[in-house]
Protein backbone atom coordinates (compact mmCIF):
# COMPACT_ATOMS: atom_id res chain seq x y z
CA MET A 1 0.00 0.00 0.00
CA SER A 2 1.31 3.45 -0.84
CA ARG A 3 2.08 6.11 1.73
CA THR A 4 -1.01 8.09 0.69
CA GLY A 5 -3.18 5.02 1.05
CA ARG A 6 -1.83 4.37 4.52
CA TRP A 7 -2.55 7.98 5.55
CA LEU A 8 -6.08 7.79 4.15
CA SER A 9 -6.66 4.53 6.04
CA ALA A 10 -5.35 6.09 9.27
CA ILE A 11 -7.65 9.09 8.83
CA ALA A 12 -10.64 6.85 8.14
CA VAL A 13 -9.93 4.76 11.25
CA ALA A 14 -9.53 7.92 13.37
CA LEU A 15 -12.88 9.24 12.13
CA VAL A 16 -14.61 5.93 12.86
CA VAL A 17 -13.09 5.83 16.36
CA PHE A 18 -14.16 9.44 16.97
CA ALA A 19 -17.73 8.70 15.86
CA LEU A 20 -17.80 5.54 17.97
CA CYS A 21 -16.72 7.48 21.08
CA VAL A 22 -19.41 10.12 20.48
CA TRP A 23 -22.06 7.44 19.98
CA LEU A 24 -20.98 5.45 23.05
CA GLY A 25 -20.88 8.62 25.14
CA ASN A 26 -24.40 9.51 24.07
CA LEU A 27 -25.57 5.99 24.75
CA PHE A 28 -24.03 5.22 28.17
CA LEU A 29 -23.24 8.43 30.04
CA PRO A 30 -25.85 9.48 32.63
CA TRP A 31 -25.92 13.26 31.97
CA ASP A 32 -28.10 15.39 29.69
CA ARG A 33 -27.69 14.93 25.92
CA ALA A 34 -25.42 17.92 25.23
CA THR A 35 -23.00 16.94 27.99
CA ARG A 36 -22.95 13.30 26.87
CA ILE A 37 -22.13 14.24 23.28
CA GLY A 38 -19.53 16.81 24.37
CA THR A 39 -17.81 14.31 26.65
CA GLY A 40 -17.86 11.63 23.98
CA ALA A 41 -16.45 14.10 21.44
CA GLY A 42 -13.66 15.06 23.83
CA ALA A 43 -12.79 11.44 24.50
CA GLY A 44 -12.98 10.68 20.78
CA ALA A 45 -10.65 13.57 19.98
CA VAL A 46 -8.09 12.31 22.48
CA VAL A 47 -8.25 8.73 21.20
CA ALA A 48 -8.14 9.86 17.56
CA GLY A 49 -5.14 12.07 18.36
CA VAL A 50 -3.28 9.18 19.95
CA LEU A 51 -4.08 7.00 16.94
CA GLY A 52 -2.88 9.77 14.62
CA ALA A 53 0.41 10.11 16.50
CA TRP A 54 0.90 6.35 16.44
CA ALA A 55 0.10 6.20 12.71
CA SER A 56 2.51 9.06 12.07
CA SER A 57 5.31 7.20 13.80
CA LEU A 58 4.59 4.09 11.73
CA ILE A 59 3.96 5.76 8.38
CA GLY A 60 6.52 8.54 8.61
CA SER A 61 9.47 6.47 9.79
CA PRO A 62 11.83 5.35 7.05
CA GLY A 63 12.35 1.64 6.68
CA GLN A 64 16.14 1.87 6.43
CA SER A 65 18.67 4.50 7.32
CA PRO A 66 19.99 6.37 4.31
CA THR A 67 23.32 5.15 3.02
CA PRO A 68 26.25 7.57 3.06
CA ALA A 69 27.27 9.17 -0.19
CA ALA A 70 29.88 7.24 -2.12
CA ASN A 71 32.17 10.25 -2.47
CA GLY A 72 31.61 11.56 1.10
CA PRO A 73 33.94 11.06 4.03
CA THR A 74 34.21 7.62 5.57
CA ALA A 75 35.91 6.42 8.70
CA SER A 76 36.63 3.04 10.21
CA GLY A 77 38.35 1.94 13.35
CA GLU A 78 37.84 2.30 17.07
CA ARG A 79 38.40 6.08 17.27
CA ALA A 80 37.99 7.15 13.67
CA VAL A 81 36.42 10.50 12.78
CA ALA A 82 35.11 11.48 9.37
CA THR A 83 34.18 15.09 8.67
CA GLN A 84 33.28 17.22 5.74
CA GLU A 85 33.68 21.01 5.56
CA ASN A 86 35.06 21.32 9.10
CA SER A 87 37.26 24.29 9.96
CA GLY A 88 37.52 23.58 13.71
CA ILE A 89 39.49 21.18 15.86
CA ILE A 90 38.27 17.65 16.48
CA VAL A 91 39.37 16.11 19.77
CA THR A 92 39.35 12.37 20.13
CA GLY A 93 40.70 10.21 22.90
CA ASP A 94 40.02 9.53 26.55
CA ASN A 95 41.27 12.70 28.22
CA GLY A 96 40.22 15.34 25.67
CA THR A 97 43.65 16.88 25.14
CA VAL A 98 44.50 18.38 21.79
CA GLN A 99 47.48 16.79 20.09
CA ARG A 100 49.07 18.64 17.19
């Protein structure tokens, strides 16, 4: 399923959950009708928001980390450092002293 399809599915599920919370609030809460619907809508908004955040973390997260550029800097080894366009000093080691 495409990314757009997943977002549309998440929105549809959030709307159904919101409507279900409003309906259940109207059906089971013991207050007057306006308060029941308002409470159900508030609960539905919270639940739909949590579902939206969860869907965003699933849909928006990349499957794999991007690979480094082939011509970019690379480093290997226990204390290796690779930089690009750095004009400062890079300190490596245990005690943080600068060796020239």
